[in-house]
């Protein structure tokens, strides 16, 4: 009877493996498809993050290139005027001055103006106050200030 029991046990195991093999194959196929989809989503996410980073960098640099001051940089009643690199670049372009000439008007070097406009360095408070005082000066007055400097 032991031989019959062993044969029966072996046959049941074989049939169970055969049935499981088809089920496992379907699961493997599904798992493989999911992994491929996850990898594609990761690639898409990476490219989208790079695009967001590029656009945010472009957006932060665009007001300085266009020469326009954004609405947030314009003073409002009851609020203290705020210095920004974009505002300085727009002011210089509005006056039609070079960075060296702007440096003479403010009393600093052209390298300082370059670094202030590019946002690499923020000027001291006393220099910020000088720049903010010049915001309402027109082009002719700026030319007189340049001649005086």
N, C-alpha and C. Protein backbone atom coordinates (compact mmCIF):
# COMPACT_ATOMS: atom_id res chain seq x y z
N UNK A 1 0.79 -1.18 0.00
CA UNK A 1 0.00 0.00 0.00
C UNK A 1 0.85 1.26 0.00
N UNK A 2 2.00 1.20 0.48
CA UNK A 2 2.90 2.34 0.53
C UNK A 2 3.25 2.78 -0.88
N UNK A 3 3.44 1.82 -1.77
CA UNK A 3 3.81 2.15 -3.14
C UNK A 3 2.67 2.91 -3.82
N UNK A 4 1.42 2.46 -3.58
CA UNK A 4 0.26 3.13 -4.15
C UNK A 4 0.13 4.55 -3.59
N UNK A 5 0.35 4.73 -2.30
CA UNK A 5 0.25 6.04 -1.65
C UNK A 5 1.31 6.99 -2.21
N UNK A 6 2.52 6.46 -2.38
CA UNK A 6 3.59 7.29 -2.92
C UNK A 6 3.29 7.70 -4.37
N UNK A 7 2.76 6.78 -5.16
CA UNK A 7 2.41 7.07 -6.55
C UNK A 7 1.30 8.12 -6.62
N UNK A 8 0.31 7.96 -5.76
CA UNK A 8 -0.80 8.91 -5.72
C UNK A 8 -0.31 10.31 -5.30
N UNK A 9 0.55 10.32 -4.33
CA UNK A 9 1.10 11.58 -3.85
C UNK A 9 1.91 12.26 -4.95
N UNK A 10 2.72 11.52 -5.67
CA UNK A 10 3.53 12.06 -6.75
C UNK A 10 2.65 12.59 -7.88
N UNK A 11 1.58 11.86 -8.21
CA UNK A 11 0.67 12.29 -9.27
C UNK A 11 -0.07 13.57 -8.89
N UNK A 12 -0.50 13.67 -7.64
CA UNK A 12 -1.18 14.89 -7.17
C UNK A 12 -0.22 16.07 -7.22
N UNK A 13 1.01 15.86 -6.81
CA UNK A 13 2.01 16.93 -6.85
C UNK A 13 2.25 17.38 -8.29
N UNK A 14 2.33 16.42 -9.21
CA UNK A 14 2.58 16.75 -10.62
C UNK A 14 1.42 17.58 -11.18
N UNK A 15 0.20 17.15 -10.90
CA UNK A 15 -0.98 17.88 -11.39
C UNK A 15 -1.06 19.29 -10.77
N UNK A 16 -0.72 19.39 -9.50
CA UNK A 16 -0.75 20.68 -8.82
C UNK A 16 0.28 21.63 -9.45
N UNK A 17 1.50 21.12 -9.73
CA UNK A 17 2.54 21.93 -10.38
C UNK A 17 2.08 22.38 -11.77
N UNK A 18 1.42 21.48 -12.50
CA UNK A 18 0.94 21.79 -13.84
C UNK A 18 -0.10 22.91 -13.78
N UNK A 19 -1.03 22.83 -12.84
CA UNK A 19 -2.05 23.86 -12.71
C UNK A 19 -1.45 25.19 -12.26
N UNK A 20 -0.52 25.10 -11.31
CA UNK A 20 0.10 26.33 -10.81
C UNK A 20 0.96 27.00 -11.88
N UNK A 21 1.54 26.19 -12.76
CA UNK A 21 2.41 26.72 -13.79
C UNK A 21 1.64 27.70 -14.68
N UNK A 22 0.43 27.37 -15.07
CA UNK A 22 -0.36 28.28 -15.91
C UNK A 22 -0.76 29.54 -15.14
N UNK A 23 -1.10 29.37 -13.87
CA UNK A 23 -1.48 30.53 -13.05
C UNK A 23 -0.29 31.46 -12.83
N UNK A 24 0.86 30.87 -12.54
CA UNK A 24 2.06 31.65 -12.28
C UNK A 24 2.52 32.36 -13.56
N UNK A 25 2.37 31.72 -14.70
CA UNK A 25 2.76 32.35 -15.97
C UNK A 25 1.93 33.61 -16.21
N UNK A 26 0.64 33.55 -15.93
CA UNK A 26 -0.22 34.72 -16.10
C UNK A 26 0.20 35.84 -15.13
N UNK A 27 0.52 35.45 -13.89
CA UNK A 27 0.96 36.45 -12.91
C UNK A 27 2.29 37.08 -13.32
N UNK A 28 3.20 36.25 -13.84
CA UNK A 28 4.50 36.78 -14.29
C UNK A 28 4.30 37.77 -15.43
N UNK A 29 3.42 37.46 -16.35
CA UNK A 29 3.15 38.35 -17.47
C UNK A 29 2.57 39.68 -16.97
N UNK A 30 1.64 39.61 -16.05
CA UNK A 30 1.04 40.82 -15.48
C UNK A 30 2.08 41.63 -14.72
N UNK A 31 2.90 40.96 -13.93
CA UNK A 31 3.95 41.64 -13.16
C UNK A 31 4.93 42.34 -14.09
N UNK A 32 5.31 41.66 -15.14
CA UNK A 32 6.24 42.24 -16.11
C UNK A 32 5.63 43.49 -16.76
N UNK A 33 4.35 43.43 -17.10
CA UNK A 33 3.69 44.59 -17.69
C UNK A 33 3.64 45.75 -16.70
N UNK A 34 3.38 45.45 -15.44
CA UNK A 34 3.33 46.50 -14.41
C UNK A 34 4.70 47.13 -14.22
N UNK A 35 5.74 46.31 -14.22
CA UNK A 35 7.09 46.85 -14.06
C UNK A 35 7.45 47.77 -15.23
N UNK A 36 7.08 47.37 -16.43
CA UNK A 36 7.34 48.21 -17.60
C UNK A 36 6.60 49.53 -17.49
N UNK A 37 5.35 49.46 -17.05
CA UNK A 37 4.55 50.67 -16.90
C UNK A 37 5.13 51.59 -15.82
N UNK A 38 5.60 51.01 -14.73
CA UNK A 38 6.20 51.80 -13.65
C UNK A 38 7.47 52.49 -14.15
N UNK A 39 8.29 51.76 -14.91
CA UNK A 39 9.52 52.35 -15.45
C UNK A 39 9.19 53.51 -16.39
N UNK A 40 8.16 53.35 -17.23
CA UNK A 40 7.75 54.43 -18.14
C UNK A 40 7.26 55.64 -17.35
N UNK A 41 6.49 55.40 -16.29
CA UNK A 41 6.01 56.50 -15.46
C UNK A 41 7.16 57.23 -14.77
N UNK A 42 8.15 56.48 -14.33
CA UNK A 42 9.32 57.10 -13.70
C UNK A 42 10.06 57.99 -14.70
N UNK A 43 10.21 57.50 -15.94
CA UNK A 43 10.88 58.31 -16.97
C UNK A 43 10.08 59.58 -17.24
N UNK A 44 8.76 59.45 -17.34
CA UNK A 44 7.91 60.61 -17.58
C UNK A 44 8.02 61.61 -16.43
N UNK A 45 8.01 61.11 -15.20
CA UNK A 45 8.12 61.97 -14.04
C UNK A 45 9.44 62.72 -14.05
N UNK A 46 10.51 62.02 -14.37
CA UNK A 46 11.83 62.64 -14.40
C UNK A 46 11.88 63.76 -15.45
N UNK A 47 11.33 63.50 -16.63
CA UNK A 47 11.33 64.53 -17.67
C UNK A 47 10.44 65.71 -17.29
N UNK A 48 9.31 65.45 -16.64
CA UNK A 48 8.43 66.53 -16.22
C UNK A 48 9.07 67.38 -15.12
N UNK A 49 9.77 66.74 -14.20
CA UNK A 49 10.47 67.50 -13.16
C UNK A 49 11.56 68.38 -13.76
N UNK A 50 12.27 67.85 -14.74
CA UNK A 50 13.29 68.65 -15.43
C UNK A 50 12.65 69.83 -16.15
N UNK A 51 11.51 69.61 -16.76
CA UNK A 51 10.80 70.68 -17.46
C UNK A 51 10.32 71.76 -16.48
N UNK A 52 9.80 71.33 -15.33
CA UNK A 52 9.35 72.30 -14.32
C UNK A 52 10.53 73.12 -13.82
N UNK A 53 11.64 72.47 -13.59
CA UNK A 53 12.83 73.17 -13.12
C UNK A 53 13.30 74.19 -14.16
N UNK A 54 13.29 73.78 -15.44
CA UNK A 54 13.72 74.66 -16.52
C UNK A 54 12.78 75.86 -16.63
N UNK A 55 11.49 75.61 -16.55
CA UNK A 55 10.52 76.69 -16.68
C UNK A 55 10.57 77.65 -15.49
N UNK A 56 10.77 77.13 -14.30
CA UNK A 56 10.85 78.02 -13.13
C UNK A 56 12.11 78.87 -13.19
N UNK A 57 13.19 78.29 -13.68
CA UNK A 57 14.43 79.05 -13.84
C UNK A 57 14.24 80.12 -14.91
N UNK A 58 13.58 79.75 -16.01
CA UNK A 58 13.32 80.69 -17.09
C UNK A 58 12.39 81.81 -16.62
N UNK A 59 11.40 81.44 -15.81
CA UNK A 59 10.45 82.44 -15.32
C UNK A 59 11.14 83.43 -14.38
N UNK A 60 12.06 82.93 -13.56
CA UNK A 60 12.74 83.83 -12.62
C UNK A 60 13.69 84.76 -13.35
N UNK A 61 14.17 84.38 -14.53
CA UNK A 61 15.09 85.22 -15.28
C UNK A 61 14.38 86.09 -16.30
N UNK A 62 13.16 85.78 -16.68
CA UNK A 62 12.48 86.48 -17.77
C UNK A 62 12.20 87.96 -17.49
N UNK A 63 11.79 88.40 -16.30
CA UNK A 63 11.55 89.84 -16.12
C UNK A 63 12.81 90.67 -16.33
N UNK A 64 13.97 90.13 -15.98
CA UNK A 64 15.21 90.87 -16.17
C UNK A 64 15.52 91.02 -17.65
N UNK A 65 15.19 90.01 -18.45
CA UNK A 65 15.45 90.08 -19.89
C UNK A 65 14.49 91.02 -20.59
N UNK A 66 13.24 91.00 -20.19
CA UNK A 66 12.24 91.79 -20.89
C UNK A 66 12.32 93.26 -20.52
N UNK A 67 12.90 93.58 -19.37
CA UNK A 67 13.00 94.96 -18.95
C UNK A 67 11.74 95.48 -18.28
N UNK A 68 10.78 94.64 -18.07
CA UNK A 68 9.53 95.05 -17.44
C UNK A 68 9.57 94.74 -15.95
N UNK A 69 8.97 95.62 -15.20
CA UNK A 69 8.88 95.38 -13.76
C UNK A 69 7.53 94.72 -13.52
N UNK A 70 7.53 93.65 -12.76
CA UNK A 70 6.28 92.95 -12.50
C UNK A 70 5.42 93.75 -11.53
N UNK A 71 4.17 93.38 -11.43
CA UNK A 71 3.23 94.08 -10.57
C UNK A 71 3.66 94.02 -9.11
N UNK A 72 4.31 92.93 -8.72
CA UNK A 72 4.72 92.77 -7.32
C UNK A 72 5.84 93.73 -6.95
N UNK A 73 6.64 94.19 -7.93
CA UNK A 73 7.76 95.06 -7.64
C UNK A 73 7.34 96.53 -7.54
N UNK A 74 6.16 96.87 -8.01
CA UNK A 74 5.71 98.24 -7.97
C UNK A 74 5.25 98.58 -6.54
N UNK A 75 5.62 99.76 -6.07
CA UNK A 75 5.23 100.10 -4.70
C UNK A 75 3.73 100.34 -4.59
N UNK A 76 3.20 100.00 -3.45
CA UNK A 76 1.79 100.22 -3.16
C UNK A 76 1.71 101.19 -1.99
N UNK A 77 0.60 101.88 -1.90
CA UNK A 77 0.43 102.81 -0.80
C UNK A 77 0.50 102.08 0.52
N UNK A 78 1.22 102.70 1.45
CA UNK A 78 1.30 102.14 2.78
C UNK A 78 2.32 101.02 2.91
N UNK A 79 2.97 100.70 1.82
CA UNK A 79 3.99 99.64 1.90
C UNK A 79 5.34 100.22 1.53
N UNK A 80 6.36 99.66 2.13
CA UNK A 80 7.72 100.08 1.84
C UNK A 80 8.15 99.45 0.52
N UNK A 81 8.84 100.24 -0.30
CA UNK A 81 9.33 99.73 -1.58
C UNK A 81 10.36 98.64 -1.33
N UNK A 82 10.35 97.64 -2.20
CA UNK A 82 11.24 96.50 -2.06
C UNK A 82 12.25 96.49 -3.19
N UNK A 83 13.50 96.21 -2.86
CA UNK A 83 14.54 96.09 -3.87
C UNK A 83 14.46 94.72 -4.53
N UNK A 84 14.69 94.68 -5.84
CA UNK A 84 14.82 93.41 -6.54
C UNK A 84 15.80 93.58 -7.69
N UNK A 85 16.43 92.49 -8.07
CA UNK A 85 17.39 92.52 -9.17
C UNK A 85 16.71 92.89 -10.47
N UNK A 86 15.48 92.39 -10.67
CA UNK A 86 14.75 92.70 -11.90
C UNK A 86 14.43 94.19 -12.00
N UNK A 87 14.11 94.79 -10.86
CA UNK A 87 13.79 96.20 -10.83
C UNK A 87 15.01 97.03 -11.21
N UNK A 88 16.18 96.66 -10.71
CA UNK A 88 17.41 97.39 -11.02
C UNK A 88 17.73 97.27 -12.51
N UNK A 89 17.61 96.07 -13.06
CA UNK A 89 17.89 95.87 -14.49
C UNK A 89 16.90 96.66 -15.35
N UNK A 90 15.63 96.67 -14.96
CA UNK A 90 14.63 97.41 -15.72
C UNK A 90 14.89 98.91 -15.65
N UNK A 91 15.31 99.39 -14.49
CA UNK A 91 15.61 100.81 -14.31
C UNK A 91 16.78 101.21 -15.21
N UNK A 92 17.82 100.41 -15.21
CA UNK A 92 19.00 100.71 -16.03
C UNK A 92 18.64 100.69 -17.51
N UNK A 93 17.85 99.72 -17.93
CA UNK A 93 17.45 99.63 -19.35
C UNK A 93 16.52 100.79 -19.72
N UNK A 94 15.66 101.20 -18.79
CA UNK A 94 14.76 102.32 -19.05
C UNK A 94 15.56 103.60 -19.28
N UNK A 95 16.63 103.76 -18.53
CA UNK A 95 17.48 104.93 -18.69
C UNK A 95 18.40 104.81 -19.89
N UNK A 96 18.61 103.59 -20.38
CA UNK A 96 19.50 103.39 -21.52
C UNK A 96 20.97 103.48 -21.14
N UNK A 97 21.30 103.06 -19.94
CA UNK A 97 22.67 103.13 -19.45
C UNK A 97 23.35 101.76 -19.51
N UNK A 98 24.65 101.78 -19.58
CA UNK A 98 25.41 100.54 -19.46
C UNK A 98 25.57 100.23 -17.98
N UNK A 99 26.08 99.05 -17.68
CA UNK A 99 26.29 98.70 -16.28
C UNK A 99 27.36 99.59 -15.65
N UNK A 100 28.37 99.95 -16.43
CA UNK A 100 29.42 100.83 -15.92
C UNK A 100 28.85 102.21 -15.59
N UNK A 101 28.00 102.74 -16.47
CA UNK A 101 27.39 104.05 -16.23
C UNK A 101 26.45 104.00 -15.03
N UNK A 102 25.70 102.91 -14.92
CA UNK A 102 24.80 102.76 -13.77
C UNK A 102 25.62 102.69 -12.48
N UNK A 103 26.76 102.03 -12.54
CA UNK A 103 27.64 101.95 -11.38
C UNK A 103 28.13 103.33 -10.96
N UNK A 104 28.41 104.20 -11.94
CA UNK A 104 28.85 105.57 -11.61
C UNK A 104 27.72 106.34 -10.93
N UNK A 105 26.50 106.17 -11.42
CA UNK A 105 25.37 106.89 -10.83
C UNK A 105 25.15 106.44 -9.39
N UNK A 106 25.21 105.15 -9.14
CA UNK A 106 24.96 104.62 -7.80
C UNK A 106 26.19 104.76 -6.91
N UNK A 107 27.38 104.80 -7.52
CA UNK A 107 28.62 104.93 -6.76
C UNK A 107 29.27 103.59 -6.46
N UNK A 108 29.11 102.64 -7.36
CA UNK A 108 29.73 101.32 -7.21
C UNK A 108 30.35 100.91 -8.54
N UNK A 109 30.99 99.76 -8.56
CA UNK A 109 31.63 99.29 -9.79
C UNK A 109 30.61 98.64 -10.72
N UNK A 110 31.02 98.49 -11.99
CA UNK A 110 30.13 97.83 -12.95
C UNK A 110 29.96 96.36 -12.61
N UNK A 111 30.96 95.75 -12.00
CA UNK A 111 30.87 94.35 -11.59
C UNK A 111 29.80 94.19 -10.51
N UNK A 112 29.72 95.16 -9.61
CA UNK A 112 28.68 95.11 -8.57
C UNK A 112 27.30 95.18 -9.20
N UNK A 113 27.13 96.06 -10.18
CA UNK A 113 25.84 96.18 -10.85
C UNK A 113 25.50 94.86 -11.54
N UNK A 114 26.49 94.26 -12.20
CA UNK A 114 26.26 92.97 -12.88
C UNK A 114 25.79 91.91 -11.88
N UNK A 115 26.48 91.83 -10.75
CA UNK A 115 26.13 90.81 -9.76
C UNK A 115 24.77 91.11 -9.12
N UNK A 116 24.44 92.37 -8.92
CA UNK A 116 23.15 92.73 -8.36
C UNK A 116 22.03 92.36 -9.33
N UNK A 117 22.23 92.67 -10.62
CA UNK A 117 21.20 92.39 -11.62
C UNK A 117 21.00 90.91 -11.85
N UNK A 118 22.10 90.14 -11.79
CA UNK A 118 21.97 88.70 -12.02
C UNK A 118 21.47 87.97 -10.78
N UNK A 119 21.40 88.66 -9.65
CA UNK A 119 20.89 88.05 -8.44
C UNK A 119 21.93 87.25 -7.68
N UNK A 120 23.19 87.34 -8.09
CA UNK A 120 24.24 86.60 -7.40
C UNK A 120 24.50 87.20 -6.02
N UNK A 121 24.36 88.52 -5.92
CA UNK A 121 24.65 89.23 -4.67
C UNK A 121 23.53 90.23 -4.42
N UNK A 122 23.19 90.42 -3.17
CA UNK A 122 22.22 91.45 -2.79
C UNK A 122 23.00 92.62 -2.20
N UNK A 123 22.73 93.84 -2.65
CA UNK A 123 23.48 94.99 -2.12
C UNK A 123 23.15 95.26 -0.66
N UNK A 124 24.05 95.99 -0.03
CA UNK A 124 23.81 96.39 1.36
C UNK A 124 22.58 97.28 1.42
N UNK A 125 22.03 97.43 2.61
CA UNK A 125 20.80 98.21 2.78
C UNK A 125 21.00 99.65 2.34
N UNK A 126 22.15 100.23 2.65
CA UNK A 126 22.39 101.63 2.26
C UNK A 126 22.40 101.77 0.74
N UNK A 127 22.97 100.78 0.05
CA UNK A 127 22.99 100.82 -1.41
C UNK A 127 21.60 100.53 -1.99
N UNK A 128 20.85 99.66 -1.33
CA UNK A 128 19.48 99.40 -1.77
C UNK A 128 18.65 100.68 -1.67
N UNK A 129 18.87 101.44 -0.59
CA UNK A 129 18.14 102.69 -0.41
C UNK A 129 18.47 103.68 -1.53
N UNK A 130 19.75 103.72 -1.95
CA UNK A 130 20.15 104.60 -3.06
C UNK A 130 19.41 104.20 -4.34
N UNK A 131 19.38 102.91 -4.61
CA UNK A 131 18.73 102.43 -5.83
C UNK A 131 17.23 102.71 -5.77
N UNK A 132 16.62 102.48 -4.62
CA UNK A 132 15.19 102.72 -4.49
C UNK A 132 14.86 104.20 -4.62
N UNK A 133 15.78 105.08 -4.18
CA UNK A 133 15.55 106.52 -4.31
C UNK A 133 15.62 106.94 -5.78
N UNK A 134 16.33 106.19 -6.60
CA UNK A 134 16.48 106.54 -8.02
C UNK A 134 15.33 106.03 -8.88
N UNK A 135 14.43 105.23 -8.32
CA UNK A 135 13.37 104.62 -9.12
C UNK A 135 12.50 105.64 -9.83
N UNK A 136 12.20 106.73 -9.19
CA UNK A 136 11.27 107.72 -9.75
C UNK A 136 11.98 108.80 -10.57
N UNK A 137 13.28 108.65 -10.76
CA UNK A 137 14.05 109.62 -11.54
C UNK A 137 13.86 109.31 -13.02
N UNK A 138 13.69 110.34 -13.82
CA UNK A 138 13.51 110.16 -15.26
C UNK A 138 14.83 110.01 -15.98
N UNK A 139 14.74 109.85 -17.29
CA UNK A 139 15.92 109.61 -18.12
C UNK A 139 16.83 110.85 -18.15
N UNK A 140 16.24 112.02 -18.25
CA UNK A 140 17.04 113.26 -18.29
C UNK A 140 17.77 113.48 -16.96
N UNK A 141 17.05 113.28 -15.87
CA UNK A 141 17.67 113.45 -14.56
C UNK A 141 18.78 112.44 -14.34
N UNK A 142 18.59 111.23 -14.88
CA UNK A 142 19.63 110.21 -14.77
C UNK A 142 20.87 110.63 -15.55
N UNK A 143 20.68 111.25 -16.72
CA UNK A 143 21.81 111.72 -17.50
C UNK A 143 22.56 112.81 -16.74
N UNK A 144 21.82 113.69 -16.04
CA UNK A 144 22.48 114.73 -15.22
C UNK A 144 23.25 114.12 -14.08
N UNK A 145 22.66 113.09 -13.44
CA UNK A 145 23.37 112.40 -12.36
C UNK A 145 24.65 111.75 -12.86
N UNK A 146 24.60 111.21 -14.06
CA UNK A 146 25.78 110.56 -14.66
C UNK A 146 26.86 111.60 -14.93
N UNK A 147 26.47 112.76 -15.43
CA UNK A 147 27.45 113.83 -15.69
C UNK A 147 28.07 114.32 -14.39
N UNK A 148 27.27 114.38 -13.34
CA UNK A 148 27.77 114.86 -12.06
C UNK A 148 28.70 113.83 -11.40
N UNK A 149 28.53 112.56 -11.73
CA UNK A 149 29.32 111.52 -11.08
C UNK A 149 30.69 111.39 -11.66
